[in-house]
Amino acid sequence: MPKARYRFNPDTLQYDRIELSLKKKIVRFLSYFSASIILGAIYMLMFTFFFDSPEERKLKREVSELRSQYELMNKQLDKVSTVLEDLEQRDDNLYRTIFEAEPISKSIRKAGFGGVNRYTELEGYDNSDIVIQTARKLDQLTREIYIQSKSYDELIKLATNKEKMLASIPAIQPISNKDLRRTASGWGWRIHPIYKIRKFHYGMDFTAPRGTPVYATGDGVVKTIRRSRRGYGNQILIDHGFGYVTQYAHLNAFNVKKGQHVHRGDVIGFVGSTGLSTAPHLHYGVLYNGKYINPINYYFNDLTADEYEKMVILSQNAGQSFD
């Protein structure tokens, strides 16, 4: 029972008991009840703000663990990226050099993904930065690994063709010249034997008696057989593939037909003095990707280091060419 409340009456000099009406009782009850609700709400808000619920604590632990996993994943991706860069360096500077293939440009290896933003669905979260960073690294590595795998597929094909390429590249002298005495005019500026003017000589001349056998310097297909009384006279062009073509000029006779497959060392013709020529000799030229290059760099199957040095000296001493 609640304690009764009294009020002093100065007229009667007595304490009169206070009787509350029903309305006042209801108002007082509602006031206390409202205050209790407000106070309870304040307590709840304060508790919610300063203290996590068990479910929130569980979720926060999971988020923290996930962030740690993303950080570890980023470190692992960085290590994978470092290993991949090493593979790319080996690919461009070692493997492709061996097989004489062009390196893959950085713009292709490091190309990004164009178009719309691929990571809009990952934005707007507290940890969006690390999630997007990880996704971007993963996408870039996936692309680079794909490009590297395609490069290795190409290198496998090149390795398969390496034996064929080694057999096809010009690698011997076009006539028998063991003592190097038949080495005449070499690559470079020479005095033309007929016009007596300074003219660039795109090949090497080998002196030899008429009818001396001329050999294919590498495997290939006879591309051209030309008979002429001008210029290079009777000549043969052999397409070796891999960008190489060899030229054999001023021939007396042919020993092959157009379209015929030949092997290194096969007799394809015989030395003559046809066309603009002052004496029986063979003019030998090497083209790579359509441009003449110095043939002296393509006798590595024939010459020792000393013989090669001697041939270089002999070819440079000639004052004029024979054609």
C-alpha atoms as a PDB file:
ATOM      1  CA  MET A   1       0.000   0.000   0.000  1.00  0.00           C
ATOM      2  CA  PRO A   2       1.328   3.464  -0.854  1.00  0.00           C
ATOM      3  CA  LYS A   3       1.859   5.798   2.040  1.00  0.00           C
ATOM      4  CA  ALA A   4      -0.916   8.355   2.609  1.00  0.00           C
ATOM      5  CA  ARG A   5      -0.026  12.006   2.028  1.00  0.00           C
ATOM      6  CA  TYR A   6      -1.152  14.863   4.301  1.00  0.00           C
ATOM      7  CA  ARG A   7      -1.299  18.620   4.121  1.00  0.00           C
ATOM      8  CA  PHE A   8      -1.316  21.088   7.136  1.00  0.00           C
ATOM      9  CA  ASN A   9      -4.487  23.119   7.510  1.00  0.00           C
ATOM     10  CA  PRO A  10      -3.748  26.471   9.277  1.00  0.00           C
ATOM     11  CA  ASP A  11      -7.404  27.051   9.973  1.00  0.00           C
ATOM     12  CA  THR A  12      -7.950  23.899  11.935  1.00  0.00           C
ATOM     13  CA  LEU A  13      -4.368  23.512  12.952  1.00  0.00           C
ATOM     14  CA  GLN A  14      -4.604  19.905  11.816  1.00  0.00           C
ATOM     15  CA  TYR A  15      -3.189  17.731   9.023  1.00  0.00           C
ATOM     16  CA  ASP A  16      -5.789  16.898   6.446  1.00  0.00           C
ATOM     17  CA  ARG A  17      -5.356  13.798   4.335  1.00  0.00           C
ATOM     18  CA  ILE A  18      -4.906  14.509   0.631  1.00  0.00           C
ATOM     19  CA  GLU A  19      -7.271  12.616  -1.546  1.00  0.00           C
ATOM     20  CA  LEU A  20      -6.363  12.461  -5.306  1.00  0.00           C
ATOM     21  CA  SER A  21      -9.070  12.365  -7.859  1.00  0.00           C
ATOM     22  CA  LEU A  22      -9.180   9.604 -10.486  1.00  0.00           C
ATOM     23  CA  LYS A  23      -8.105  12.051 -13.180  1.00  0.00           C
ATOM     24  CA  LYS A  24      -5.061  13.149 -11.249  1.00  0.00           C
ATOM     25  CA  LYS A  25      -4.195   9.558 -10.489  1.00  0.00           C
ATOM     26  CA  ILE A  26      -4.361   8.726 -14.194  1.00  0.00           C
ATOM     27  CA  VAL A  27      -2.278  11.807 -15.126  1.00  0.00           C
ATOM     28  CA  ARG A  28       0.324  10.955 -12.504  1.00  0.00           C
ATOM     29  CA  PHE A  29       0.456   7.345 -13.666  1.00  0.00           C
ATOM     30  CA  LEU A  30       0.901   8.398 -17.278  1.00  0.00           C
ATOM     31  CA  SER A  31       3.609  10.872 -16.287  1.00  0.00           C
ATOM     32  CA  TYR A  32       5.570   8.243 -14.397  1.00  0.00           C
ATOM     33  CA  PHE A  33       4.994   5.718 -17.174  1.00  0.00           C
ATOM     34  CA  SER A  34       6.149   8.142 -19.901  1.00  0.00           C
ATOM     35  CA  ALA A  35       9.194   9.127 -17.905  1.00  0.00           C
ATOM     36  CA  SER A  36      10.040   5.474 -17.430  1.00  0.00           C
ATOM     37  CA  ILE A  37       9.693   4.790 -21.149  1.00  0.00           C
ATOM     38  CA  ILE A  38      11.836   7.816 -22.057  1.00  0.00           C
ATOM     39  CA  LEU A  39      14.459   6.872 -19.514  1.00  0.00           C
ATOM     40  CA  GLY A  40      14.418   3.266 -20.726  1.00  0.00           C
ATOM     41  CA  ALA A  41      14.829   4.418 -24.340  1.00  0.00           C
ATOM     42  CA  ILE A  42      17.758   6.615 -23.325  1.00  0.00           C
ATOM     43  CA  TYR A  43      19.368   3.702 -21.511  1.00  0.00           C
ATOM     44  CA  MET A  44      18.795   1.448 -24.532  1.00  0.00           C
ATOM     45  CA  LEU A  45      20.277   3.970 -26.966  1.00  0.00           C
ATOM     46  CA  MET A  46      23.309   4.477 -24.728  1.00  0.00           C
ATOM     47  CA  PHE A  47      23.792   0.733 -24.386  1.00  0.00           C
ATOM     48  CA  THR A  48      23.397   0.193 -28.123  1.00  0.00           C
ATOM     49  CA  PHE A  49      25.861   2.996 -28.909  1.00  0.00           C
ATOM     50  CA  PHE A  50      28.576   1.964 -26.459  1.00  0.00           C
ATOM     51  CA  PHE A  51      28.098  -1.798 -26.339  1.00  0.00           C
ATOM     52  CA  ASP A  52      27.787  -4.298 -29.215  1.00  0.00           C
ATOM     53  CA  SER A  53      25.271  -7.069 -29.280  1.00  0.00           C
ATOM     54  CA  PRO A  54      26.587 -10.649 -29.567  1.00  0.00           C
ATOM     55  CA  GLU A  55      25.540 -10.724 -33.237  1.00  0.00           C
ATOM     56  CA  GLU A  56      27.345  -7.423 -33.933  1.00  0.00           C
ATOM     57  CA  ARG A  57      30.459  -8.644 -32.146  1.00  0.00           C
ATOM     58  CA  LYS A  58      30.348 -11.812 -34.292  1.00  0.00           C
ATOM     59  CA  LEU A  59      29.933  -9.817 -37.517  1.00  0.00           C
ATOM     60  CA  LYS A  60      32.760  -7.445 -36.590  1.00  0.00           C
ATOM     61  CA  ARG A  61      35.060 -10.392 -35.914  1.00  0.00           C
ATOM     62  CA  GLU A  62      34.159 -11.823 -39.328  1.00  0.00           C
ATOM     63  CA  VAL A  63      34.816  -8.456 -41.044  1.00  0.00           C
ATOM     64  CA  SER A  64      38.161  -8.162 -39.283  1.00  0.00           C
ATOM     65  CA  GLU A  65      39.127 -11.683 -40.336  1.00  0.00           C
ATOM     66  CA  LEU A  66      38.043 -11.001 -43.918  1.00  0.00           C
ATOM     67  CA  ARG A  67      40.083  -7.800 -44.036  1.00  0.00           C
ATOM     68  CA  SER A  68      43.097  -9.706 -42.736  1.00  0.00           C
ATOM     69  CA  GLN A  69      42.544 -12.339 -45.426  1.00  0.00           C
ATOM     70  CA  TYR A  70      42.319  -9.625 -48.116  1.00  0.00           C
ATOM     71  CA  GLU A  71      45.558  -8.088 -46.874  1.00  0.00           C
ATOM     72  CA  LEU A  72      47.271 -11.486 -46.993  1.00  0.00           C
ATOM     73  CA  MET A  73      45.786 -12.086 -50.441  1.00  0.00           C
ATOM     74  CA  ASN A  74      47.179  -8.737 -51.635  1.00  0.00           C
ATOM     75  CA  LYS A  75      50.632  -9.707 -50.406  1.00  0.00           C
ATOM     76  CA  GLN A  76      50.375 -13.061 -52.176  1.00  0.00           C
ATOM     77  CA  LEU A  77      49.228 -11.323 -55.373  1.00  0.00           C
ATOM     78  CA  ASP A  78      52.237  -9.011 -55.140  1.00  0.00           C
ATOM     79  CA  LYS A  79      54.518 -12.064 -54.896  1.00  0.00           C
ATOM     80  CA  VAL A  80      52.796 -13.706 -57.851  1.00  0.00           C
ATOM     81  CA  SER A  81      53.164 -10.457 -59.801  1.00  0.00           C
ATOM     82  CA  THR A  82      56.894 -10.400 -59.040  1.00  0.00           C
ATOM     83  CA  VAL A  83      57.302 -14.000 -60.237  1.00  0.00           C
ATOM     84  CA  LEU A  84      55.288 -13.214 -63.374  1.00  0.00           C
ATOM     85  CA  GLU A  85      57.463 -10.175 -64.130  1.00  0.00           C
ATOM     86  CA  ASP A  86      60.538 -12.408 -63.898  1.00  0.00           C
ATOM     87  CA  LEU A  87      58.933 -14.871 -66.336  1.00  0.00           C
ATOM     88  CA  GLU A  88      58.115 -11.998 -68.697  1.00  0.00           C
ATOM     89  CA  GLN A  89      61.731 -10.776 -68.554  1.00  0.00           C
ATOM     90  CA  ARG A  90      63.028 -14.272 -69.317  1.00  0.00           C
ATOM     91  CA  ASP A  91      60.503 -14.621 -72.123  1.00  0.00           C
ATOM     92  CA  ASP A  92      61.421 -11.329 -73.816  1.00  0.00           C
ATOM     93  CA  ASN A  93      65.175 -11.284 -73.215  1.00  0.00           C
ATOM     94  CA  LEU A  94      66.105 -14.972 -73.290  1.00  0.00           C
ATOM     95  CA  TYR A  95      63.628 -17.332 -74.916  1.00  0.00           C
ATOM     96  CA  ARG A  96      62.481 -14.960 -77.654  1.00  0.00           C
ATOM     97  CA  THR A  97      66.057 -13.891 -78.330  1.00  0.00           C
ATOM     98  CA  ILE A  98      67.079 -17.523 -78.823  1.00  0.00           C
ATOM     99  CA  PHE A  99      64.273 -18.074 -81.309  1.00  0.00           C
ATOM    100  CA  GLU A 100      64.740 -14.660 -82.967  1.00  0.00           C
ATOM    101  CA  ALA A 101      61.207 -13.574 -82.098  1.00  0.00           C
ATOM    102  CA  GLU A 102      60.089 -10.052 -81.281  1.00  0.00           C
ATOM    103  CA  PRO A 103      59.438  -9.391 -77.562  1.00  0.00           C
ATOM    104  CA  ILE A 104      55.900  -8.652 -76.396  1.00  0.00           C
ATOM    105  CA  SER A 105      55.516  -4.920 -75.770  1.00  0.00           C
ATOM    106  CA  LYS A 106      54.702  -3.550 -72.311  1.00  0.00           C
ATOM    107  CA  SER A 107      51.579  -1.881 -73.691  1.00  0.00           C
ATOM    108  CA  ILE A 108      50.154  -5.312 -74.529  1.00  0.00           C
ATOM    109  CA  ARG A 109      51.289  -7.050 -71.329  1.00  0.00           C
ATOM    110  CA  LYS A 110      50.073  -4.269 -68.995  1.00  0.00           C
ATOM    111  CA  ALA A 111      46.952  -3.242 -70.910  1.00  0.00           C
ATOM    112  CA  GLY A 112      43.986  -2.603 -68.645  1.00  0.00           C
ATOM    113  CA  PHE A 113      40.292  -3.223 -69.137  1.00  0.00           C
ATOM    114  CA  GLY A 114      38.559  -0.469 -71.071  1.00  0.00           C
ATOM    115  CA  GLY A 115      34.917   0.553 -70.960  1.00  0.00           C
ATOM    116  CA  VAL A 116      32.679   0.869 -67.908  1.00  0.00           C
ATOM    117  CA  ASN A 117      33.787   0.622 -64.300  1.00  0.00           C
ATOM    118  CA  ARG A 118      33.970  -3.088 -63.490  1.00  0.00           C
ATOM    119  CA  TYR A 119      33.869  -2.553 -59.732  1.00  0.00           C
ATOM    120  CA  THR A 120      30.736  -0.449 -59.123  1.00  0.00           C
ATOM    121  CA  GLU A 121      29.113  -3.306 -57.216  1.00  0.00           C
ATOM    122  CA  LEU A 122      31.991  -3.289 -54.734  1.00  0.00           C
ATOM    123  CA  GLU A 123      31.747   0.432 -53.942  1.00  0.00           C
ATOM    124  CA  GLY A 124      29.974   2.005 -50.957  1.00  0.00           C
ATOM    125  CA  TYR A 125      31.214  -0.320 -48.203  1.00  0.00           C
ATOM    126  CA  ASP A 126      33.554   0.403 -45.311  1.00  0.00           C
ATOM    127  CA  ASN A 127      36.216  -1.885 -46.804  1.00  0.00           C
ATOM    128  CA  SER A 128      35.550  -1.177 -50.489  1.00  0.00           C
ATOM    129  CA  ASP A 129      39.084   0.158 -51.023  1.00  0.00           C
ATOM    130  CA  ILE A 130      40.902  -3.083 -50.236  1.00  0.00           C
ATOM    131  CA  VAL A 131      38.254  -5.246 -51.957  1.00  0.00           C
ATOM    132  CA  ILE A 132      38.440  -3.201 -55.187  1.00  0.00           C
ATOM    133  CA  GLN A 133      42.242  -3.113 -55.029  1.00  0.00           C
ATOM    134  CA  THR A 134      42.370  -6.895 -54.692  1.00  0.00           C
ATOM    135  CA  ALA A 135      39.852  -7.435 -57.495  1.00  0.00           C
ATOM    136  CA  ARG A 136      41.794  -5.085 -59.793  1.00  0.00           C
ATOM    137  CA  LYS A 137      45.097  -6.874 -59.079  1.00  0.00           C
ATOM    138  CA  LEU A 138      43.477 -10.254 -59.684  1.00  0.00           C
ATOM    139  CA  ASP A 139      42.015  -9.118 -63.007  1.00  0.00           C
ATOM    140  CA  GLN A 140      45.364  -7.674 -64.140  1.00  0.00           C
ATOM    141  CA  LEU A 141      47.259 -10.825 -63.165  1.00  0.00           C
ATOM    142  CA  THR A 142      44.673 -12.988 -64.916  1.00  0.00           C
ATOM    143  CA  ARG A 143      45.172 -11.010 -68.129  1.00  0.00           C
ATOM    144  CA  GLU A 144      48.979 -11.063 -67.894  1.00  0.00           C
ATOM    145  CA  ILE A 145      49.011 -14.813 -67.189  1.00  0.00           C
ATOM    146  CA  TYR A 146      46.784 -15.375 -70.224  1.00  0.00           C
ATOM    147  CA  ILE A 147      49.120 -13.338 -72.450  1.00  0.00           C
ATOM    148  CA  GLN A 148      52.144 -15.183 -71.041  1.00  0.00           C
ATOM    149  CA  SER A 149      50.501 -18.555 -71.662  1.00  0.00           C
ATOM    150  CA  LYS A 150      49.838 -17.573 -75.292  1.00  0.00           C
ATOM    151  CA  SER A 151      53.471 -16.493 -75.565  1.00  0.00           C
ATOM    152  CA  TYR A 152      54.637 -19.895 -74.327  1.00  0.00           C
ATOM    153  CA  ASP A 153      52.355 -21.564 -76.877  1.00  0.00           C
ATOM    154  CA  GLU A 154      54.130 -19.526 -79.549  1.00  0.00           C
ATOM    155  CA  LEU A 155      57.553 -20.423 -78.131  1.00  0.00           C
ATOM    156  CA  ILE A 156      56.629 -24.123 -78.208  1.00  0.00           C
ATOM    157  CA  LYS A 157      55.893 -23.780 -81.915  1.00  0.00           C
ATOM    158  CA  LEU A 158      59.163 -21.911 -82.426  1.00  0.00           C
ATOM    159  CA  ALA A 159      61.058 -24.617 -80.555  1.00  0.00           C
ATOM    160  CA  THR A 160      59.377 -27.275 -82.692  1.00  0.00           C
ATOM    161  CA  ASN A 161      60.499 -25.400 -85.803  1.00  0.00           C
ATOM    162  CA  LYS A 162      63.973 -24.641 -84.434  1.00  0.00           C
ATOM    163  CA  GLU A 163      65.551 -27.711 -86.046  1.00  0.00           C
ATOM    164  CA  LYS A 164      63.959 -26.818 -89.346  1.00  0.00           C
ATOM    165  CA  MET A 165      65.068 -23.211 -88.960  1.00  0.00           C
ATOM    166  CA  LEU A 166      68.676 -24.206 -88.223  1.00  0.00           C
ATOM    167  CA  ALA A 167      68.692 -26.369 -91.349  1.00  0.00           C
ATOM    168  CA  SER A 168      67.199 -23.570 -93.433  1.00  0.00           C
ATOM    169  CA  ILE A 169      69.313 -20.586 -92.418  1.00  0.00           C
ATOM    170  CA  PRO A 170      72.250 -20.027 -94.829  1.00  0.00           C
ATOM    171  CA  ALA A 171      75.279 -21.387 -92.985  1.00  0.00           C
ATOM    172  CA  ILE A 172      77.959 -22.513 -95.486  1.00  0.00           C
ATOM    173  CA  GLN A 173      79.916 -21.053 -98.391  1.00  0.00           C
ATOM    174  CA  PRO A 174      78.217 -21.468-101.767  1.00  0.00           C
ATOM    175  CA  ILE A 175      81.321 -23.008-103.403  1.00  0.00           C
ATOM    176  CA  SER A 176      84.153 -25.172-102.168  1.00  0.00           C
ATOM    177  CA  ASN A 177      86.625 -22.717-100.652  1.00  0.00           C
ATOM    178  CA  LYS A 178      88.533 -24.533 -97.920  1.00  0.00           C
ATOM    179  CA  ASP A 179      91.744 -22.554 -98.357  1.00  0.00           C
ATOM    180  CA  LEU A 180      89.772 -19.288 -98.801  1.00  0.00           C
ATOM    181  CA  ARG A 181      91.723 -18.464-101.989  1.00  0.00           C
ATOM    182  CA  ARG A 182      88.533 -18.032-103.928  1.00  0.00           C
ATOM    183  CA  THR A 183      87.347 -15.200-101.671  1.00  0.00           C
ATOM    184  CA  ALA A 184      87.257 -12.073-103.840  1.00  0.00           C
ATOM    185  CA  SER A 185      85.226  -8.925-103.406  1.00  0.00           C
ATOM    186  CA  GLY A 186      83.142  -8.519-100.275  1.00  0.00           C
ATOM    187  CA  TRP A 187      80.256  -6.444 -99.023  1.00  0.00           C
ATOM    188  CA  GLY A 188      80.523  -2.661 -99.259  1.00  0.00           C
ATOM    189  CA  TRP A 189      81.613   0.145-101.562  1.00  0.00           C
ATOM    190  CA  ARG A 190      83.657  -1.079-104.539  1.00  0.00           C
ATOM    191  CA  ILE A 191      84.774   0.149-107.944  1.00  0.00           C
ATOM    192  CA  HIS A 192      82.487  -1.315-110.601  1.00  0.00           C
ATOM    193  CA  PRO A 193      84.635  -3.357-113.033  1.00  0.00           C
ATOM    194  CA  ILE A 194      82.825  -2.105-116.143  1.00  0.00           C
ATOM    195  CA  TYR A 195      81.501   1.343-115.291  1.00  0.00           C
ATOM    196  CA  LYS A 196      84.573   2.233-113.202  1.00  0.00           C
ATOM    197  CA  ILE A 197      82.492   4.131-110.690  1.00  0.00           C
ATOM    198  CA  ARG A 198      82.135   3.702-106.970  1.00  0.00           C
ATOM    199  CA  LYS A 199      79.136   1.477-106.313  1.00  0.00           C
ATOM    200  CA  PHE A 200      77.837  -0.471-103.330  1.00  0.00           C
ATOM    201  CA  HIS A 201      78.330  -4.221-103.654  1.00  0.00           C
ATOM    202  CA  TYR A 202      75.383  -6.080-102.049  1.00  0.00           C
ATOM    203  CA  GLY A 203      77.010  -9.470-101.613  1.00  0.00           C
ATOM    204  CA  MET A 204      80.268 -11.410-101.969  1.00  0.00           C
ATOM    205  CA  ASP A 205      82.152 -12.597-105.059  1.00  0.00           C
ATOM    206  CA  PHE A 206      83.934 -15.951-105.218  1.00  0.00           C
ATOM    207  CA  THR A 207      86.357 -16.568-108.089  1.00  0.00           C
ATOM    208  CA  ALA A 208      86.235 -20.073-109.564  1.00  0.00           C
ATOM    209  CA  PRO A 209      86.711 -21.787-112.941  1.00  0.00           C
ATOM    210  CA  ARG A 210      83.698 -21.997-115.206  1.00  0.00           C
ATOM    211  CA  GLY A 211      81.633 -25.081-114.359  1.00  0.00           C
ATOM    212  CA  THR A 212      82.594 -25.174-110.646  1.00  0.00           C
ATOM    213  CA  PRO A 213      79.633 -26.573-108.628  1.00  0.00           C
ATOM    214  CA  VAL A 214      77.530 -24.079-106.666  1.00  0.00           C
ATOM    215  CA  TYR A 215      75.867 -25.337-103.470  1.00  0.00           C
ATOM    216  CA  ALA A 216      72.627 -24.366-101.717  1.00  0.00           C
ATOM    217  CA  THR A 217      73.674 -22.836 -98.405  1.00  0.00           C
ATOM    218  CA  GLY A 218      70.536 -23.953 -96.569  1.00  0.00           C
ATOM    219  CA  ASP A 219      67.343 -25.962 -96.995  1.00  0.00           C
ATOM    220  CA  GLY A 220      64.661 -24.230 -99.016  1.00  0.00           C
ATOM    221  CA  VAL A 221      62.600 -23.976-102.172  1.00  0.00           C
ATOM    222  CA  VAL A 222      63.864 -22.638-105.505  1.00  0.00           C
ATOM    223  CA  LYS A 223      61.960 -19.386-105.798  1.00  0.00           C
ATOM    224  CA  THR A 224      63.360 -17.975-109.063  1.00  0.00           C
ATOM    225  CA  ILE A 225      65.388 -19.205-112.003  1.00  0.00           C
ATOM    226  CA  ARG A 226      66.272 -16.337-114.304  1.00  0.00           C
ATOM    227  CA  ARG A 227      68.224 -16.348-117.556  1.00  0.00           C
ATOM    228  CA  SER A 228      69.614 -12.998-118.618  1.00  0.00           C
ATOM    229  CA  ARG A 229      72.517 -11.374-120.439  1.00  0.00           C
ATOM    230  CA  ARG A 230      72.293  -8.278-118.258  1.00  0.00           C
ATOM    231  CA  GLY A 231      72.939  -7.420-114.648  1.00  0.00           C
ATOM    232  CA  TYR A 232      73.336 -10.557-112.558  1.00  0.00           C
ATOM    233  CA  GLY A 233      72.996 -12.775-115.618  1.00  0.00           C
ATOM    234  CA  ASN A 234      71.751 -16.291-114.993  1.00  0.00           C
ATOM    235  CA  GLN A 235      70.728 -16.478-111.351  1.00  0.00           C
ATOM    236  CA  ILE A 236      68.876 -18.583-108.814  1.00  0.00           C
ATOM    237  CA  LEU A 237      66.943 -17.349-105.776  1.00  0.00           C
ATOM    238  CA  ILE A 238      66.213 -19.843-102.982  1.00  0.00           C
ATOM    239  CA  ASP A 239      63.550 -19.094-100.364  1.00  0.00           C
ATOM    240  CA  HIS A 240      64.675 -20.665 -97.073  1.00  0.00           C
ATOM    241  CA  GLY A 241      61.716 -19.483 -95.034  1.00  0.00           C
ATOM    242  CA  PHE A 242      62.047 -17.617 -91.734  1.00  0.00           C
ATOM    243  CA  GLY A 243      62.675 -14.426 -93.736  1.00  0.00           C
ATOM    244  CA  TYR A 244      65.808 -15.670 -95.571  1.00  0.00           C
ATOM    245  CA  VAL A 245      66.422 -15.711 -99.339  1.00  0.00           C
ATOM    246  CA  THR A 246      69.804 -16.415-101.007  1.00  0.00           C
ATOM    247  CA  GLN A 247      70.970 -15.280-104.440  1.00  0.00           C
ATOM    248  CA  TYR A 248      73.406 -17.106-106.755  1.00  0.00           C
ATOM    249  CA  ALA A 249      74.306 -15.014-109.821  1.00  0.00           C
ATOM    250  CA  HIS A 250      76.332 -15.148-113.095  1.00  0.00           C
ATOM    251  CA  LEU A 251      75.787 -18.916-113.397  1.00  0.00           C
ATOM    252  CA  ASN A 252      76.801 -20.887-116.441  1.00  0.00           C
ATOM    253  CA  ALA A 253      74.091 -23.525-116.027  1.00  0.00           C
ATOM    254  CA  PHE A 254      71.308 -24.613-113.653  1.00  0.00           C
ATOM    255  CA  ASN A 255      70.923 -27.937-111.863  1.00  0.00           C
ATOM    256  CA  VAL A 256      67.477 -27.313-110.337  1.00  0.00           C
ATOM    257  CA  LYS A 257      63.978 -26.276-111.368  1.00  0.00           C
ATOM    258  CA  LYS A 258      61.665 -23.587-110.033  1.00  0.00           C
ATOM    259  CA  GLY A 259      59.659 -24.879-107.059  1.00  0.00           C
ATOM    260  CA  GLN A 260      62.143 -27.664-106.298  1.00  0.00           C
ATOM    261  CA  HIS A 261      62.964 -28.408-102.658  1.00  0.00           C
ATOM    262  CA  VAL A 262      66.708 -28.404-102.001  1.00  0.00           C
ATOM    263  CA  HIS A 263      68.873 -29.216 -98.998  1.00  0.00           C
ATOM    264  CA  ARG A 264      72.011 -27.569 -97.758  1.00  0.00           C
ATOM    265  CA  GLY A 265      74.948 -28.796 -99.855  1.00  0.00           C
ATOM    266  CA  ASP A 266      72.895 -29.750-102.923  1.00  0.00           C
ATOM    267  CA  VAL A 267      74.458 -28.686-106.248  1.00  0.00           C
ATOM    268  CA  ILE A 268      72.051 -26.110-107.694  1.00  0.00           C
ATOM    269  CA  GLY A 269      74.157 -24.750-110.583  1.00  0.00           C
ATOM    270  CA  PHE A 270      77.614 -24.054-111.955  1.00  0.00           C
ATOM    271  CA  VAL A 271      79.896 -21.016-111.968  1.00  0.00           C
ATOM    272  CA  GLY A 272      79.843 -18.889-115.092  1.00  0.00           C
ATOM    273  CA  SER A 273      80.338 -15.298-116.268  1.00  0.00           C
ATOM    274  CA  THR A 274      76.904 -14.317-117.580  1.00  0.00           C
ATOM    275  CA  GLY A 275      75.485 -10.800-117.350  1.00  0.00           C
ATOM    276  CA  LEU A 276      77.722  -7.874-116.373  1.00  0.00           C
ATOM    277  CA  SER A 277      80.766  -9.911-115.371  1.00  0.00           C
ATOM    278  CA  THR A 278      84.464  -9.565-116.166  1.00  0.00           C
ATOM    279  CA  ALA A 279      85.506 -13.134-115.300  1.00  0.00           C
ATOM    280  CA  PRO A 280      84.032 -16.458-114.174  1.00  0.00           C
ATOM    281  CA  HIS A 281      82.870 -16.044-110.606  1.00  0.00           C
ATOM    282  CA  LEU A 282      79.861 -16.463-108.325  1.00  0.00           C
ATOM    283  CA  HIS A 283      78.060 -13.465-106.897  1.00  0.00           C
ATOM    284  CA  TYR A 284      76.400 -14.575-103.650  1.00  0.00           C
ATOM    285  CA  GLY A 285      73.810 -12.507-101.809  1.00  0.00           C
ATOM    286  CA  VAL A 286      71.708 -12.995 -98.676  1.00  0.00           C
ATOM    287  CA  LEU A 287      68.399 -11.218 -98.049  1.00  0.00           C
ATOM    288  CA  TYR A 288      66.580 -11.091 -94.734  1.00  0.00           C
ATOM    289  CA  ASN A 289      62.993  -9.831 -94.722  1.00  0.00           C
ATOM    290  CA  GLY A 290      63.517  -8.413 -98.207  1.00  0.00           C
ATOM    291  CA  LYS A 291      66.736  -6.498 -97.489  1.00  0.00           C
ATOM    292  CA  TYR A 292      70.284  -7.433 -98.451  1.00  0.00           C
ATOM    293  CA  ILE A 293      72.587  -8.217 -95.520  1.00  0.00           C
ATOM    294  CA  ASN A 294      76.289  -9.045 -95.370  1.00  0.00           C
ATOM    295  CA  PRO A 295      76.731 -12.745 -96.304  1.00  0.00           C
ATOM    296  CA  ILE A 296      79.970 -12.987 -94.347  1.00  0.00           C
ATOM    297  CA  ASN A 297      77.918 -13.411 -91.170  1.00  0.00           C
ATOM    298  CA  TYR A 298      76.441 -16.677 -92.487  1.00  0.00           C
ATOM    299  CA  TYR A 299      79.359 -19.099 -92.814  1.00  0.00           C
ATOM    300  CA  PHE A 300      79.339 -20.374 -89.221  1.00  0.00           C
ATOM    301  CA  ASN A 301      79.012 -24.046 -90.273  1.00  0.00           C
ATOM    302  CA  ASP A 302      82.020 -23.725 -92.541  1.00  0.00           C
ATOM    303  CA  LEU A 303      84.688 -21.641 -90.838  1.00  0.00           C
ATOM    304  CA  THR A 304      86.681 -21.626 -87.635  1.00  0.00           C
ATOM    305  CA  ALA A 305      87.234 -18.343 -85.832  1.00  0.00           C
ATOM    306  CA  ASP A 306      90.661 -17.912 -87.465  1.00  0.00           C
ATOM    307  CA  GLU A 307      89.346 -18.752 -90.932  1.00  0.00           C
ATOM    308  CA  TYR A 308      86.463 -16.348 -90.481  1.00  0.00           C
ATOM    309  CA  GLU A 309      88.850 -13.550 -89.490  1.00  0.00           C
ATOM    310  CA  LYS A 310      91.011 -14.281 -92.520  1.00  0.00           C
ATOM    311  CA  MET A 311      87.980 -14.236 -94.843  1.00  0.00           C
ATOM    312  CA  VAL A 312      86.894 -10.854 -93.460  1.00  0.00           C
ATOM    313  CA  ILE A 313      90.331  -9.413 -94.232  1.00  0.00           C
ATOM    314  CA  LEU A 314      90.411 -10.916 -97.736  1.00  0.00           C
ATOM    315  CA  SER A 315      86.945  -9.633 -98.618  1.00  0.00           C
ATOM    316  CA  GLN A 316      87.787  -6.107 -97.459  1.00  0.00           C
ATOM    317  CA  ASN A 317      91.035  -5.818 -99.408  1.00  0.00           C
ATOM    318  CA  ALA A 318      89.490  -6.129-102.859  1.00  0.00           C
ATOM    319  CA  GLY A 319      89.490  -2.808-104.698  1.00  0.00           C
ATOM    320  CA  GLN A 320      86.721  -3.688-107.113  1.00  0.00           C
ATOM    321  CA  SER A 321      84.071  -6.307-107.615  1.00  0.00           C
ATOM    322  CA  PHE A 322      83.716  -8.695-110.550  1.00  0.00           C
ATOM    323  CA  ASP A 323      80.172  -7.517-111.385  1.00  0.00           C
END
